[in-house]
């Protein structure tokens, strides 16, 4: 059923990354269409103010708060995840330093 509704492959529906990407793209597309439709209606009626066309102005802080409350998942706070993340970040730092050292060596080697 899910694959028919959103046109994702069977394997993509079971994977969080592809489902999350599809959801974000769909929401961005919906927001784009909503704003475009409102501006088009305003242009047809001769009104240039979005508030007059029925679109209430929103602040960036209000939009971010709505996104965090309704769409974005809450961050994980469990100790196991925090320790894993810390280990992963230290690994990334070591890898980056080794990468830079290798390129410095490769640039100076004859």
Protein backbone atom coordinates (compact mmCIF):
# COMPACT_ATOMS: atom_id res chain seq x y z
CA UNK A 1 0.00 0.00 0.00
CA UNK A 2 2.74 2.51 0.91
CA UNK A 3 4.62 1.90 -2.30
CA UNK A 4 1.51 2.62 -4.37
CA UNK A 5 0.75 5.89 -2.61
CA UNK A 6 4.19 7.49 -2.76
CA UNK A 7 5.70 5.58 -5.71
CA UNK A 8 8.69 4.33 -3.76
CA UNK A 9 10.23 0.94 -4.31
CA UNK A 10 9.55 -1.80 -1.76
CA UNK A 11 13.07 -1.54 -0.33
CA UNK A 12 12.92 2.25 -0.18
CA UNK A 13 9.83 2.25 2.03
CA UNK A 14 11.53 0.13 4.66
CA UNK A 15 14.60 2.39 4.76
CA UNK A 16 14.33 5.49 6.96
CA UNK A 17 16.64 7.65 4.82
CA UNK A 18 14.70 7.29 1.58
CA UNK A 19 11.35 7.70 3.34
CA UNK A 20 12.59 10.81 5.17
CA UNK A 21 14.00 12.32 1.96
CA UNK A 22 10.78 11.65 0.09
CA UNK A 23 8.73 13.22 2.89
CA UNK A 24 10.88 16.35 2.97
CA UNK A 25 10.78 16.73 -0.81
CA UNK A 26 7.00 16.29 -0.80
CA UNK A 27 6.58 18.93 1.92
CA UNK A 28 8.84 21.39 0.13
CA UNK A 29 6.93 20.82 -3.11
CA UNK A 30 3.62 21.33 -1.30
CA UNK A 31 4.85 24.57 0.29
CA UNK A 32 6.11 25.79 -3.09
CA UNK A 33 2.76 25.05 -4.71
CA UNK A 34 0.83 26.71 -1.89
CA UNK A 35 2.88 29.91 -2.08
CA UNK A 36 2.82 29.94 -5.89
CA UNK A 37 -0.95 29.47 -5.95
CA UNK A 38 -1.49 32.26 -3.45
CA UNK A 39 0.76 34.66 -5.35
CA UNK A 40 -0.96 33.75 -8.64
CA UNK A 41 -4.39 34.40 -7.13
CA UNK A 42 -3.13 37.70 -5.75
CA UNK A 43 -1.82 38.68 -9.19
CA UNK A 44 -5.13 37.77 -10.85
CA UNK A 45 -7.15 39.82 -8.38
CA UNK A 46 -4.76 42.75 -8.56
CA UNK A 47 -3.64 42.48 -4.95
CA UNK A 48 0.08 42.42 -4.25
CA UNK A 49 -0.13 42.04 -0.48
CA UNK A 50 -0.06 38.33 0.53
CA UNK A 51 -2.12 39.12 3.66
CA UNK A 52 -4.95 40.41 1.46
CA UNK A 53 -4.86 37.22 -0.61
CA UNK A 54 -5.49 35.08 2.47
CA UNK A 55 -1.91 34.12 3.31
CA UNK A 56 -1.09 35.30 6.81
CA UNK A 57 2.51 36.48 7.15
CA UNK A 58 4.68 34.24 9.32
CA UNK A 59 8.01 34.93 10.93
CA UNK A 60 10.99 32.63 10.43
CA UNK A 61 10.92 31.80 14.14
CA UNK A 62 7.28 30.75 13.92
CA UNK A 63 7.96 28.56 10.89
CA UNK A 64 10.92 26.90 12.59
CA UNK A 65 8.83 26.25 15.70
CA UNK A 66 6.06 24.70 13.62
CA UNK A 67 8.53 22.53 11.72
CA UNK A 68 10.11 21.30 14.96
CA UNK A 69 6.75 20.58 16.56
CA UNK A 70 4.96 18.96 13.63
CA UNK A 71 7.48 17.51 11.18
CA UNK A 72 11.01 17.12 12.49
CA UNK A 73 11.66 14.16 14.79
CA UNK A 74 12.76 14.98 18.31
CA UNK A 75 16.47 14.43 18.96
CA UNK A 76 17.57 11.29 20.71
CA UNK A 77 18.83 11.81 24.24
CA UNK A 78 19.61 8.26 25.40
CA UNK A 79 23.17 7.68 26.72
CA UNK A 80 23.94 4.84 24.29
CA UNK A 81 23.26 7.05 21.27
CA UNK A 82 25.19 10.00 22.72
CA UNK A 83 28.24 7.81 23.39
CA UNK A 84 28.04 6.29 19.91
CA UNK A 85 27.83 9.75 18.37
CA UNK A 86 30.81 10.97 20.38
CA UNK A 87 32.89 7.97 19.27
CA UNK A 88 31.86 8.51 15.66
CA UNK A 89 32.83 12.22 15.79
CA UNK A 90 36.27 11.37 17.21
CA UNK A 91 36.71 8.82 14.42
CA UNK A 92 35.79 11.48 11.87
CA UNK A 93 38.37 13.84 13.33
CA UNK A 94 41.10 11.17 13.15
CA UNK A 95 40.14 10.34 9.56
CA UNK A 96 40.20 14.00 8.54
CA UNK A 97 43.63 14.55 10.10
CA UNK A 98 45.01 11.44 8.37
CA UNK A 99 43.49 12.62 5.10
CA UNK A 100 45.16 16.02 5.43
CA UNK A 101 48.49 14.43 6.35
CA UNK A 102 48.31 12.14 3.34
CA UNK A 103 47.59 15.00 0.96
CA UNK A 104 50.41 17.08 2.47
CA UNK A 105 52.76 14.14 1.96
CA UNK A 106 51.49 13.41 -1.56
CA UNK A 107 51.92 17.06 -2.57
CA UNK A 108 55.58 17.13 -1.43
CA UNK A 109 56.60 13.67 -2.70
CA UNK A 110 58.60 13.68 -5.96
